[in-house]
């Protein structure tokens, strides 16, 4: 890579070298070479270019997981985003990336105390009646401590690690640069949409490093379940919270996967599975706001079979239109209506103009035939969603990130439900919610508001139409109306033509220098050096340097 690009492209050179070093350690040097990343970026770092022996024996998927873990929080989040795309990466990578451990050595209590003092204005000894110096858990983004408020309430205090925001901002800048290099130098990577994945990751990580977003999610979730007796949402202590400190109610319950303790607290596994499933379906089909990561570590059970979810950093949102479309897709799947499924794909606008609809419908029919005669209790929702995503990928159908989060949530909770109750039937549980959602289409109040909104849009269109037509006609009379054409797929050819013209110009300059220097030598123009004209000697030297530079550029491009 040209040295001139380093200042602009890699402002965080030290951090960038660390990331490249980890990549080399786990055997990804060949990818770095293809990305045109110069080895000189690693000089002076005392790095061993050979892989460790222990790394050689690992699978590719294991090496990717370990490398992401070692690179830090932004890369761990990247792995989590990729794990939600089973249609995009091979199954063995999905399995490994779901194992990503976001656990690191805890920071000292003095640093925790400093963050609390900076954020809340007073040290923990003055804000809390007691504060456990030892963390309950420690991750790359934050660590959690147990404490007691001045009025005696048991709480959990989540404290952000010092400097983590700066690291994440650096890493996001580096990830964006690397995504651009992948797209430029590895054409096969474009099918995975590296820049789109980084954009999504950027949005989610920026929300997660501001704890007020998570606190707000908890408040919304609590309001949505205010009338539900089977779900308990931890209370947020706003006066003890900020963007880097989050204080919430301590949940003294049983982890939902700790089945050995259920009998001790008189908990019913079947009822808990039903309560959790109905709660998730309510989030999806009624609220449009759902917990996107309901894995066993984030779900606790309280006496009375009450489920208490925790960690509201990853949430999904569905618009009313998306909820309706999702309901209709479920109905089409229930009824094995392939034509309706194809129509819905077109309606939601995620299909390109040029698509083999006949082939798509045949794939859908084949998928639905696999489940013909299979009892609903035998349908694996994660497998169904994965198959649908695979078909979407093959036919270049754009899947919204919200639907991918939804697929993760449905598949994750289905596994939790069947862990509690092997006969748990998530599909049957969903039917009443889907029917209720579809019945809203015939609600007179909703129909009235839809008609009113349509009337407003029509009125606005009719009001603006004469003015817009008049403006177009005036531009036509003045000769100012122009059509703009955009080319597709010519960027590479334009780049190559630009490079070729630059080389020709370079060659002409070298030739001119040689000819000019030869004339100066012939005319014996003063001053002299060793009996030869000095200007002529300098001209030859400069032409020689430019010629070597040109040859190196041609050889590095791989084209003679």
Protein backbone atom coordinates (compact mmCIF):
# COMPACT_ATOMS: atom_id res chain seq x y z
CA UNK A 1 0.00 0.00 0.00
CA UNK A 2 1.40 3.42 -0.85
CA UNK A 3 2.90 5.27 2.10
CA UNK A 4 0.88 8.37 1.22
CA UNK A 5 -2.34 6.57 2.16
CA UNK A 6 -1.34 5.66 5.70
CA UNK A 7 -1.95 9.07 7.21
CA UNK A 8 -5.44 9.24 5.80
CA UNK A 9 -6.52 5.61 5.98
CA UNK A 10 -4.87 4.47 9.20
CA UNK A 11 -4.96 7.28 11.74
CA UNK A 12 -4.73 4.75 14.56
CA UNK A 13 -1.54 3.05 13.39
CA UNK A 14 -0.55 1.53 16.75
CA UNK A 15 -3.94 -0.14 17.22
CA UNK A 16 -3.96 -1.19 13.58
CA UNK A 17 -0.62 -2.95 14.05
CA UNK A 18 -2.00 -4.83 17.05
CA UNK A 19 -4.93 -6.09 14.98
CA UNK A 20 -2.65 -7.15 12.13
CA UNK A 21 -0.37 -8.90 14.62
CA UNK A 22 -3.30 -10.96 15.97
CA UNK A 23 -4.36 -11.78 12.40
CA UNK A 24 -0.85 -13.07 11.61
CA UNK A 25 -0.71 -15.00 14.88
CA UNK A 26 -3.82 -16.96 13.91
CA UNK A 27 -2.68 -17.63 10.35
CA UNK A 28 -4.50 -15.03 8.25
CA UNK A 29 -1.41 -13.53 6.63
CA UNK A 30 -2.48 -14.72 3.17
CA UNK A 31 -5.66 -12.62 3.43
CA UNK A 32 -3.65 -9.58 4.56
CA UNK A 33 -1.38 -10.03 1.52
CA UNK A 34 -4.35 -10.12 -0.83
CA UNK A 35 -5.68 -6.97 0.82
CA UNK A 36 -2.38 -5.25 -0.15
CA UNK A 37 -1.48 -4.52 3.47
CA UNK A 38 2.26 -3.86 3.52
CA UNK A 39 4.43 -5.82 5.95
CA UNK A 40 6.26 -2.58 6.86
CA UNK A 41 3.23 -1.68 9.02
CA UNK A 42 4.45 -4.37 11.41
CA UNK A 43 8.14 -3.43 11.45
CA UNK A 44 9.64 -2.42 14.74
CA UNK A 45 7.05 -4.37 16.70
CA UNK A 46 9.19 -7.42 17.41
CA UNK A 47 6.52 -9.73 15.95
CA UNK A 48 7.02 -13.33 14.99
CA UNK A 49 5.62 -13.91 11.56
CA UNK A 50 5.22 -17.65 12.02
CA UNK A 51 2.07 -19.04 13.55
CA UNK A 52 2.15 -20.63 16.98
CA UNK A 53 2.21 -24.44 16.91
CA UNK A 54 -0.97 -24.61 19.00
CA UNK A 55 -2.78 -22.46 16.44
CA UNK A 56 -1.83 -24.68 13.49
CA UNK A 57 -3.82 -27.58 14.95
CA UNK A 58 -7.04 -25.53 15.20
CA UNK A 59 -9.77 -25.40 12.57
CA UNK A 60 -10.30 -22.22 10.52
CA UNK A 61 -13.51 -21.47 12.42
CA UNK A 62 -11.78 -21.83 15.80
CA UNK A 63 -8.95 -19.53 14.71
CA UNK A 64 -11.47 -16.88 13.61
CA UNK A 65 -13.25 -17.03 16.98
CA UNK A 66 -10.05 -16.83 19.03
CA UNK A 67 -8.69 -13.98 16.90
CA UNK A 68 -11.89 -11.95 17.33
CA UNK A 69 -11.84 -12.54 21.09
CA UNK A 70 -8.24 -11.34 21.33
CA UNK A 71 -8.86 -8.27 19.17
CA UNK A 72 -11.35 -6.77 21.62
CA UNK A 73 -14.96 -5.60 22.06
CA UNK A 74 -15.74 -4.26 18.58
CA UNK A 75 -14.47 -7.47 16.95
CA UNK A 76 -16.39 -9.62 19.44
CA UNK A 77 -19.54 -7.72 18.45
CA UNK A 78 -18.62 -8.30 14.80
CA UNK A 79 -18.53 -12.04 15.45
CA UNK A 80 -21.92 -11.86 17.16
CA UNK A 81 -23.40 -10.00 14.18
CA UNK A 82 -22.00 -12.64 11.80
CA UNK A 83 -23.36 -15.46 13.97
CA UNK A 84 -26.85 -14.07 13.31
CA UNK A 85 -26.35 -14.66 9.58
CA UNK A 86 -26.39 -18.46 9.21
CA UNK A 87 -27.25 -18.01 5.53
CA UNK A 88 -24.10 -15.96 4.99
CA UNK A 89 -21.31 -18.01 6.57
CA UNK A 90 -20.68 -21.78 6.78
CA UNK A 91 -22.40 -23.69 9.65
CA UNK A 92 -19.13 -24.49 11.43
CA UNK A 93 -18.37 -20.76 11.67
CA UNK A 94 -21.84 -20.05 13.07
CA UNK A 95 -21.29 -22.69 15.76
CA UNK A 96 -17.91 -21.23 16.74
CA UNK A 97 -18.99 -17.59 16.68
CA UNK A 98 -21.91 -18.32 19.01
CA UNK A 99 -19.27 -19.43 21.54
CA UNK A 100 -17.60 -16.02 21.60
CA UNK A 101 -16.66 -15.24 25.19
CA UNK A 102 -16.80 -11.58 26.12
CA UNK A 103 -14.96 -12.12 29.40
CA UNK A 104 -11.72 -10.39 30.36
CA UNK A 105 -9.69 -9.77 33.49
CA UNK A 106 -11.53 -7.32 35.79
CA UNK A 107 -10.20 -3.82 36.37
CA UNK A 108 -9.17 -2.72 39.89
CA UNK A 109 -11.69 -1.20 42.27
CA UNK A 110 -9.87 2.16 42.26
CA UNK A 111 -10.57 2.55 38.53
CA UNK A 112 -14.22 1.55 39.07
CA UNK A 113 -14.44 4.13 41.85
CA UNK A 114 -12.96 6.79 39.54
CA UNK A 115 -15.57 6.14 36.83
CA UNK A 116 -18.43 6.36 39.35
CA UNK A 117 -16.99 9.59 40.76
CA UNK A 118 -16.69 11.11 37.28
CA UNK A 119 -20.20 10.08 36.25
CA UNK A 120 -22.24 10.51 39.44
CA UNK A 121 -20.22 13.19 41.21
CA UNK A 122 -19.59 11.19 44.39
CA UNK A 123 -17.62 8.04 45.28
CA UNK A 124 -19.48 4.72 45.78
CA UNK A 125 -19.01 4.86 49.59
CA UNK A 126 -21.28 7.93 49.69
CA UNK A 127 -23.80 6.72 47.10
CA UNK A 128 -24.32 3.16 48.39
CA UNK A 129 -24.74 1.61 51.82
CA UNK A 130 -22.45 -1.21 50.63
CA UNK A 131 -20.54 -1.90 47.42
CA UNK A 132 -18.89 -5.24 46.68
CA UNK A 133 -15.35 -4.60 45.46
CA UNK A 134 -15.23 -7.96 43.65
CA UNK A 135 -17.18 -7.96 40.37
CA UNK A 136 -19.86 -10.57 39.66
CA UNK A 137 -18.80 -10.60 36.00
CA UNK A 138 -16.30 -8.77 33.82
CA UNK A 139 -16.61 -8.23 30.06
CA UNK A 140 -14.64 -6.20 27.53
CA UNK A 141 -17.19 -3.37 27.64
CA UNK A 142 -18.10 -3.23 31.35
CA UNK A 143 -18.10 -5.12 34.61
CA UNK A 144 -20.86 -5.71 37.14
CA UNK A 145 -20.80 -5.23 40.93
CA UNK A 146 -23.38 -6.05 43.55
CA UNK A 147 -24.33 -3.23 45.93
CA UNK A 148 -27.02 -1.96 48.31
CA UNK A 149 -28.62 1.48 48.09
CA UNK A 150 -28.83 3.85 51.03
CA UNK A 151 -32.48 2.81 51.56
CA UNK A 152 -31.50 -0.88 51.65
CA UNK A 153 -32.42 -2.09 48.13
CA UNK A 154 -30.24 -4.77 46.56
CA UNK A 155 -28.91 -3.56 43.20
CA UNK A 156 -26.52 -4.40 40.37
CA UNK A 157 -24.11 -1.67 39.23
CA UNK A 158 -22.76 -1.96 35.69
CA UNK A 159 -19.61 0.17 35.24
CA UNK A 160 -18.06 0.85 31.84
CA UNK A 161 -14.35 0.12 31.50
CA UNK A 162 -12.22 3.29 31.24
CA UNK A 163 -11.17 4.16 27.69
CA UNK A 164 -13.41 1.55 26.04
CA UNK A 165 -15.28 4.14 23.96
CA UNK A 166 -12.03 5.40 22.44
CA UNK A 167 -10.94 1.85 21.60
CA UNK A 168 -14.29 1.08 19.97
CA UNK A 169 -14.18 4.27 17.89
CA UNK A 170 -10.65 3.36 16.75
CA UNK A 171 -11.70 -0.19 15.96
CA UNK A 172 -14.77 0.93 14.01
CA UNK A 173 -12.57 3.23 11.90
CA UNK A 174 -10.14 0.37 11.26
CA UNK A 175 -12.97 -2.09 10.50
CA UNK A 176 -14.42 0.33 7.97
CA UNK A 177 -11.01 0.66 6.26
CA UNK A 178 -10.58 -3.12 6.22
CA UNK A 179 -14.08 -3.62 4.82
CA UNK A 180 -13.29 -1.20 1.99
CA UNK A 181 -10.03 -3.05 1.28
CA UNK A 182 -11.86 -6.40 1.23
CA UNK A 183 -14.39 -5.07 -1.29
CA UNK A 184 -11.60 -3.58 -3.43
CA UNK A 185 -9.07 -6.43 -3.44
CA UNK A 186 -11.17 -9.56 -2.69
CA UNK A 187 -14.11 -9.50 -5.14
CA UNK A 188 -15.56 -12.69 -3.64
CA UNK A 189 -16.07 -10.86 -0.34
CA UNK A 190 -18.71 -8.57 -1.87
CA UNK A 191 -21.36 -11.27 -1.60
CA UNK A 192 -21.03 -10.96 2.20
CA UNK A 193 -21.55 -7.16 2.12
CA UNK A 194 -18.62 -6.23 4.44
CA UNK A 195 -19.41 -2.51 4.43
CA UNK A 196 -23.08 -3.15 5.24
CA UNK A 197 -22.14 -5.39 8.17
CA UNK A 198 -19.74 -2.74 9.52
CA UNK A 199 -22.46 -0.07 9.19
CA UNK A 200 -24.86 -2.20 11.22
CA UNK A 201 -22.16 -2.97 13.78
CA UNK A 202 -21.37 0.75 14.08
CA UNK A 203 -25.00 1.55 14.89
CA UNK A 204 -25.38 -1.18 17.51
CA UNK A 205 -22.06 -0.56 19.29
CA UNK A 206 -22.70 3.19 19.55
CA UNK A 207 -25.99 2.41 21.28
CA UNK A 208 -24.42 -0.16 23.60
CA UNK A 209 -21.62 2.11 24.87
CA UNK A 210 -24.26 4.60 26.08
CA UNK A 211 -25.98 2.91 29.03
CA UNK A 212 -28.86 5.38 28.94
CA UNK A 213 -30.06 3.51 25.83
CA UNK A 214 -30.20 0.23 27.75
CA UNK A 215 -31.97 1.94 30.66
CA UNK A 216 -34.51 3.37 28.20
CA UNK A 217 -35.05 -0.10 26.70
CA UNK A 218 -35.81 -1.45 30.17
CA UNK A 219 -38.36 1.31 30.81
CA UNK A 220 -40.14 0.62 27.48
CA UNK A 221 -40.10 -3.12 28.18
CA UNK A 222 -41.51 -2.55 31.69
CA UNK A 223 -44.37 -0.42 30.33
CA UNK A 224 -45.23 -3.04 27.72
CA UNK A 225 -45.46 -5.74 30.43
CA UNK A 226 -46.97 -3.59 33.19
CA UNK A 227 -50.21 -5.66 33.17
CA UNK A 228 -48.48 -9.03 32.77
CA UNK A 229 -47.98 -11.03 35.97
CA UNK A 230 -45.66 -13.63 34.41
CA UNK A 231 -42.81 -11.23 33.50
CA UNK A 232 -40.77 -9.10 35.88
CA UNK A 233 -38.52 -6.34 34.48
CA UNK A 234 -35.73 -5.07 36.78
CA UNK A 235 -36.23 -1.51 38.01
CA UNK A 236 -33.79 1.18 36.83
CA UNK A 237 -32.34 3.48 39.50
CA UNK A 238 -32.01 6.61 37.37
CA UNK A 239 -30.47 8.74 40.13
CA UNK A 240 -27.59 6.23 40.27
CA UNK A 241 -27.18 5.84 36.50
CA UNK A 242 -25.51 7.70 33.63
CA UNK A 243 -24.09 6.98 30.17
CA UNK A 244 -21.25 4.93 31.75
CA UNK A 245 -22.89 3.64 34.94
CA UNK A 246 -26.15 1.65 35.08
CA UNK A 247 -27.76 0.70 38.38
CA UNK A 248 -30.67 -1.74 38.30
CA UNK A 249 -32.60 -3.96 40.66
CA UNK A 250 -30.80 -7.16 41.72
CA UNK A 251 -32.65 -10.26 40.48
CA UNK A 252 -32.43 -12.98 43.11
CA UNK A 253 -33.72 -15.82 40.98
CA UNK A 254 -32.79 -19.12 39.39
CA UNK A 255 -31.08 -19.15 36.00
CA UNK A 256 -33.60 -20.63 33.56
CA UNK A 257 -31.15 -23.37 32.51
CA UNK A 258 -30.42 -24.44 36.14
CA UNK A 259 -33.11 -27.15 36.13
CA UNK A 260 -31.68 -28.89 39.21
CA UNK A 261 -32.89 -26.01 41.42
CA UNK A 262 -36.45 -25.87 40.05
CA UNK A 263 -37.82 -28.41 42.54
CA UNK A 264 -36.24 -26.49 45.43
CA UNK A 265 -38.30 -23.39 44.51
CA UNK A 266 -41.43 -25.32 43.36
CA UNK A 267 -41.04 -24.15 39.76
CA UNK A 268 -43.02 -25.73 36.90
CA UNK A 269 -40.94 -26.22 33.76
CA UNK A 270 -43.92 -26.46 31.38
CA UNK A 271 -45.58 -23.30 32.69
CA UNK A 272 -42.28 -21.40 32.52
CA UNK A 273 -41.77 -22.49 28.90
CA UNK A 274 -45.27 -21.29 28.00
CA UNK A 275 -44.87 -18.00 29.88
CA UNK A 276 -41.59 -17.25 28.12
CA UNK A 277 -42.92 -18.17 24.68
CA UNK A 278 -46.06 -16.08 25.06
CA UNK A 279 -44.00 -13.15 26.33
CA UNK A 280 -41.72 -13.29 23.26
CA UNK A 281 -44.69 -13.59 20.89
CA UNK A 282 -46.34 -10.59 22.56
CA UNK A 283 -43.14 -8.60 22.03
CA UNK A 284 -43.10 -9.51 18.32
CA UNK A 285 -46.77 -9.35 17.30
CA UNK A 286 -48.18 -6.77 19.72
CA UNK A 287 -45.39 -4.47 20.92
CA UNK A 288 -42.98 -4.51 17.96
CA UNK A 289 -40.15 -4.28 20.51
CA UNK A 290 -38.39 -7.50 21.49
CA UNK A 291 -35.46 -8.83 23.48
CA UNK A 292 -33.13 -10.01 20.72
CA UNK A 293 -30.89 -12.22 22.86
CA UNK A 294 -33.08 -14.40 25.15
CA UNK A 295 -30.37 -17.01 25.84
CA UNK A 296 -30.34 -18.89 29.19
CA UNK A 297 -27.77 -16.54 30.73
CA UNK A 298 -30.15 -13.60 30.26
CA UNK A 299 -33.27 -15.25 31.72
CA UNK A 300 -33.97 -15.85 35.42
CA UNK A 301 -36.99 -17.39 37.12
CA UNK A 302 -38.61 -16.05 40.29
CA UNK A 303 -41.05 -17.85 42.62
CA UNK A 304 -44.46 -18.26 41.00
CA UNK A 305 -42.93 -19.22 37.60
CA UNK A 306 -42.23 -15.55 36.84
CA UNK A 307 -39.53 -14.89 34.23
CA UNK A 308 -37.13 -11.98 34.77
CA UNK A 309 -35.07 -11.07 31.67
CA UNK A 310 -31.83 -9.12 32.09
CA UNK A 311 -29.31 -7.39 29.76
CA UNK A 312 -31.39 -5.16 27.50
CA UNK A 313 -28.50 -3.95 25.35
CA UNK A 314 -29.58 -5.87 22.22
CA UNK A 315 -33.19 -5.10 21.31
CA UNK A 316 -35.11 -5.37 18.06
CA UNK A 317 -37.84 -3.13 16.66
CA UNK A 318 -40.59 -3.86 14.15
CA UNK A 319 -42.78 -1.23 12.51
CA UNK A 320 -46.56 -1.89 12.31
CA UNK A 321 -46.14 -2.68 8.62
CA UNK A 322 -43.37 -5.19 9.30
CA UNK A 323 -45.47 -6.85 12.04
CA UNK A 324 -48.35 -7.25 9.57
CA UNK A 325 -46.07 -8.61 6.85
CA UNK A 326 -44.51 -11.04 9.31
CA UNK A 327 -47.94 -12.31 10.35
CA UNK A 328 -48.90 -12.89 6.72
CA UNK A 329 -45.62 -14.75 6.09
CA UNK A 330 -46.37 -17.01 9.07
CA UNK A 331 -49.88 -17.71 7.72
CA UNK A 332 -48.49 -18.51 4.27
CA UNK A 333 -46.02 -20.94 5.89
CA UNK A 334 -48.79 -22.55 7.98
CA UNK A 335 -50.95 -23.03 4.86
CA UNK A 336 -47.97 -23.94 2.63
CA UNK A 337 -49.06 -21.22 0.19
CA UNK A 338 -46.06 -20.75 -2.09
CA UNK A 339 -47.70 -18.15 -4.34
CA UNK A 340 -48.58 -16.01 -1.32
CA UNK A 341 -45.02 -16.28 -0.02
CA UNK A 342 -43.68 -15.08 -3.37
CA UNK A 343 -46.16 -12.20 -3.41
CA UNK A 344 -45.15 -11.16 0.11
CA UNK A 345 -41.48 -11.11 -0.83
CA UNK A 346 -42.33 -8.76 -3.69
CA UNK A 347 -44.61 -6.64 -1.49
CA UNK A 348 -42.00 -5.97 1.18
CA UNK A 349 -39.61 -4.71 -1.50
CA UNK A 350 -36.65 -6.95 -0.68
CA UNK A 351 -36.48 -8.64 -4.10
CA UNK A 352 -34.49 -7.17 -6.99
CA UNK A 353 -36.07 -6.45 -10.34
CA UNK A 354 -34.35 -9.35 -12.10
CA UNK A 355 -35.15 -12.51 -10.17
CA UNK A 356 -36.18 -16.01 -11.13
CA UNK A 357 -39.59 -16.05 -9.40
CA UNK A 358 -40.37 -19.51 -10.79
CA UNK A 359 -37.16 -20.89 -9.28
CA UNK A 360 -37.80 -19.06 -6.01
CA UNK A 361 -41.30 -20.51 -5.70
CA UNK A 362 -40.00 -24.00 -6.48
CA UNK A 363 -37.40 -23.63 -3.70
CA UNK A 364 -40.13 -22.45 -1.32
CA UNK A 365 -42.37 -25.36 -2.30
CA UNK A 366 -39.52 -27.82 -1.71
CA UNK A 367 -38.89 -26.27 1.71
CA UNK A 368 -42.54 -26.51 2.73
CA UNK A 369 -42.81 -30.09 1.42
CA UNK A 370 -40.12 -31.14 3.88
CA UNK A 371 -42.51 -30.32 6.71
CA UNK A 372 -45.62 -31.86 5.16
CA UNK A 373 -47.06 -34.37 7.63
CA UNK A 374 -44.58 -33.33 10.32
CA UNK A 375 -46.40 -32.46 13.58
CA UNK A 376 -45.98 -28.86 14.65
CA UNK A 377 -44.08 -29.98 17.75
CA UNK A 378 -41.47 -31.47 15.41
CA UNK A 379 -40.86 -28.23 13.50
CA UNK A 380 -37.58 -26.57 14.41
CA UNK A 381 -38.09 -22.80 14.09
CA UNK A 382 -34.34 -22.08 13.97
CA UNK A 383 -33.95 -24.57 11.11
CA UNK A 384 -36.94 -23.10 9.22
CA UNK A 385 -35.62 -19.55 9.59
CA UNK A 386 -32.14 -20.69 8.55
CA UNK A 387 -33.52 -22.39 5.43
CA UNK A 388 -35.52 -19.29 4.51
CA UNK A 389 -32.43 -17.11 4.91
CA UNK A 390 -30.42 -19.52 2.75
CA UNK A 391 -33.00 -19.28 -0.05
CA UNK A 392 -33.06 -15.50 0.29
CA UNK A 393 -29.27 -15.42 -0.03
CA UNK A 394 -29.21 -17.65 -3.10
CA UNK A 395 -31.74 -15.43 -4.88
CA UNK A 396 -30.04 -12.20 -3.70
CA UNK A 397 -33.01 -11.17 -1.59
CA UNK A 398 -32.08 -8.44 0.87
CA UNK A 399 -32.96 -9.47 4.42
CA UNK A 400 -33.45 -6.58 6.84
CA UNK A 401 -31.35 -6.62 10.00
CA UNK A 402 -34.54 -6.50 12.11
CA UNK A 403 -35.69 -9.81 10.61
CA UNK A 404 -32.28 -11.36 11.28
CA UNK A 405 -32.50 -10.29 14.93
CA UNK A 406 -35.99 -11.72 15.01
CA UNK A 407 -34.79 -15.03 13.58
CA UNK A 408 -32.12 -15.18 16.27
CA UNK A 409 -34.63 -14.43 19.04
CA UNK A 410 -37.14 -17.03 17.84
CA UNK A 411 -34.52 -19.74 17.37
CA UNK A 412 -32.81 -19.02 20.70
CA UNK A 413 -36.00 -19.06 22.74
CA UNK A 414 -37.31 -22.19 21.00
CA UNK A 415 -34.20 -24.01 22.24
CA UNK A 416 -34.78 -22.63 25.76
CA UNK A 417 -38.44 -23.73 25.63
CA UNK A 418 -37.55 -27.27 24.59
CA UNK A 419 -34.82 -27.39 27.25
CA UNK A 420 -37.58 -26.76 29.80
CA UNK A 421 -40.19 -28.92 28.08
CA UNK A 422 -39.12 -31.37 25.31
CA UNK A 423 -42.72 -31.36 24.00
CA UNK A 424 -42.93 -27.56 23.87
CA UNK A 425 -44.65 -26.49 20.61
CA UNK A 426 -43.60 -22.95 19.76
CA UNK A 427 -45.40 -22.93 16.38
CA UNK A 428 -48.78 -23.79 17.89
CA UNK A 429 -48.16 -21.17 20.58
CA UNK A 430 -47.70 -18.56 17.86
CA UNK A 431 -51.00 -19.20 16.06
CA UNK A 432 -53.30 -17.10 18.31
CA UNK A 433 -50.91 -14.14 18.14
CA UNK A 434 -50.74 -14.33 14.34
CA UNK A 435 -54.55 -14.52 14.06
CA UNK A 436 -54.97 -11.60 16.46
CA UNK A 437 -52.48 -9.56 14.47
CA UNK A 438 -54.27 -10.27 11.19
CA UNK A 439 -57.69 -9.55 12.68
CA UNK A 440 -56.58 -5.99 13.33
CA UNK A 441 -56.85 -5.34 9.61
CA UNK A 442 -60.64 -5.38 10.03
CA UNK A 443 -60.72 -3.17 13.12
CA UNK A 444 -62.98 -0.19 12.17
CA UNK A 445 -60.76 2.27 14.04
CA UNK A 446 -57.61 1.09 12.22
CA UNK A 447 -59.44 1.16 8.87
CA UNK A 448 -60.63 4.70 9.60
CA UNK A 449 -57.12 5.94 10.42
CA UNK A 450 -55.69 4.19 7.33
CA UNK A 451 -58.30 5.90 5.14
CA UNK A 452 -57.62 9.23 6.81
CA UNK A 453 -53.87 8.87 6.25
CA UNK A 454 -54.45 7.88 2.61
CA UNK A 455 -56.76 10.87 2.16
CA UNK A 456 -54.10 13.21 3.55
CA UNK A 457 -51.47 11.77 1.20
CA UNK A 458 -53.86 12.09 -1.78
CA UNK A 459 -54.72 15.69 -0.85
CA UNK A 460 -51.02 16.54 -0.55
CA UNK A 461 -50.33 14.94 -3.96
CA UNK A 462 -53.17 16.80 -5.70
CA UNK A 463 -52.11 20.08 -4.10
CA UNK A 464 -48.48 19.77 -5.18
CA UNK A 465 -49.07 18.20 -8.62
CA UNK A 466 -49.93 21.41 -10.59
CA UNK A 467 -46.94 23.24 -9.11
CA UNK A 468 -44.56 20.36 -9.87
CA UNK A 469 -45.89 19.97 -13.45
CA UNK A 470 -45.53 23.73 -14.01
CA UNK A 471 -41.92 23.62 -12.81
CA UNK A 472 -41.14 20.72 -15.17
CA UNK A 473 -42.71 22.52 -18.15
CA UNK A 474 -40.73 25.70 -17.40
CA UNK A 475 -37.48 23.74 -17.29
CA UNK A 476 -38.36 22.09 -20.61
CA UNK A 477 -38.98 25.51 -22.24
CA UNK A 478 -35.66 26.82 -20.93
CA UNK A 479 -33.80 23.71 -22.03
CA UNK A 480 -32.82 22.96 -18.43
CA UNK A 481 -34.41 19.52 -18.24
CA UNK A 482 -31.78 16.81 -18.35
CA UNK A 483 -31.73 13.06 -17.91
CA UNK A 484 -29.03 11.55 -15.74
CA UNK A 485 -27.66 8.10 -16.58
CA UNK A 486 -25.65 6.08 -14.09
CA UNK A 487 -23.43 3.26 -15.17
CA UNK A 488 -23.13 0.00 -13.25
CA UNK A 489 -20.09 -2.24 -13.26
CA UNK A 490 -17.78 0.21 -15.07
CA UNK A 491 -15.91 1.44 -11.98
CA UNK A 492 -13.19 -1.17 -12.32
CA UNK A 493 -12.68 -0.43 -16.02
CA UNK A 494 -12.47 3.33 -15.33
CA UNK A 495 -9.92 2.69 -12.57
CA UNK A 496 -7.80 0.54 -14.89
CA UNK A 497 -7.97 3.15 -17.69
CA UNK A 498 -6.96 5.85 -15.21
CA UNK A 499 -4.03 3.73 -14.02
CA UNK A 500 -2.94 3.01 -17.62
CA UNK A 501 -3.09 6.69 -18.59
CA UNK A 502 -1.02 7.59 -15.50
CA UNK A 503 1.64 5.05 -16.50
CA UNK A 504 1.73 6.39 -20.06
CA UNK A 505 2.15 9.94 -18.73
CA UNK A 506 4.87 8.71 -16.39
CA UNK A 507 6.67 7.01 -19.30
CA UNK A 508 6.49 10.16 -21.44
CA UNK A 509 8.03 12.22 -18.61
CA UNK A 510 10.86 9.68 -18.25
CA UNK A 511 11.45 9.69 -22.00
CA UNK A 512 11.48 13.51 -22.06
CA UNK A 513 14.02 13.57 -19.20
CA UNK A 514 16.29 11.12 -21.03
CA UNK A 515 16.05 13.05 -24.32
CA UNK A 516 16.62 16.40 -22.58
CA UNK A 517 19.56 15.08 -20.56
CA UNK A 518 21.10 13.60 -23.73
CA UNK A 519 20.87 16.98 -25.49
CA UNK A 520 22.49 18.72 -22.50
CA UNK A 521 25.31 16.14 -22.57
CA UNK A 522 25.75 16.71 -26.30
CA UNK A 523 25.90 20.51 -25.94
CA UNK A 524 28.24 20.29 -22.89
CA UNK A 525 26.27 22.80 -20.80
CA UNK A 526 28.07 24.03 -17.64
CA UNK A 527 28.59 23.35 -14.73
CA UNK A 528 30.55 20.11 -15.03
CA UNK A 529 30.99 17.15 -12.68
CA UNK A 530 33.82 14.70 -13.47
CA UNK A 531 33.94 16.28 -16.92
CA UNK A 532 30.22 15.81 -17.67
CA UNK A 533 27.39 18.39 -17.49
CA UNK A 534 25.89 18.28 -13.95
CA UNK A 535 22.33 19.00 -15.14
CA UNK A 536 22.48 16.10 -17.59
CA UNK A 537 23.73 13.71 -14.87
CA UNK A 538 20.88 14.81 -12.54
CA UNK A 539 18.38 14.35 -15.37
CA UNK A 540 19.57 10.77 -15.98
CA UNK A 541 19.44 9.97 -12.24
CA UNK A 542 15.93 11.36 -11.85
CA UNK A 543 14.74 9.48 -14.96
CA UNK A 544 16.31 6.28 -13.58
CA UNK A 545 14.53 6.67 -10.21
CA UNK A 546 11.20 7.32 -11.90
CA UNK A 547 11.74 4.29 -14.15
CA UNK A 548 12.46 2.02 -11.15
CA UNK A 549 9.35 3.36 -9.38
CA UNK A 550 7.24 2.63 -12.49
CA UNK A 551 8.62 -0.93 -12.80
CA UNK A 552 7.92 -1.65 -9.10
CA UNK A 553 4.34 -0.37 -9.49
CA UNK A 554 3.78 -2.63 -12.52
CA UNK A 555 5.27 -5.68 -10.78
CA UNK A 556 3.19 -5.10 -7.59
CA UNK A 557 -0.01 -4.92 -9.64
CA UNK A 558 0.74 -8.41 -10.97
CA UNK A 559 0.38 -7.29 -14.60
CA UNK A 560 3.40 -6.80 -16.89
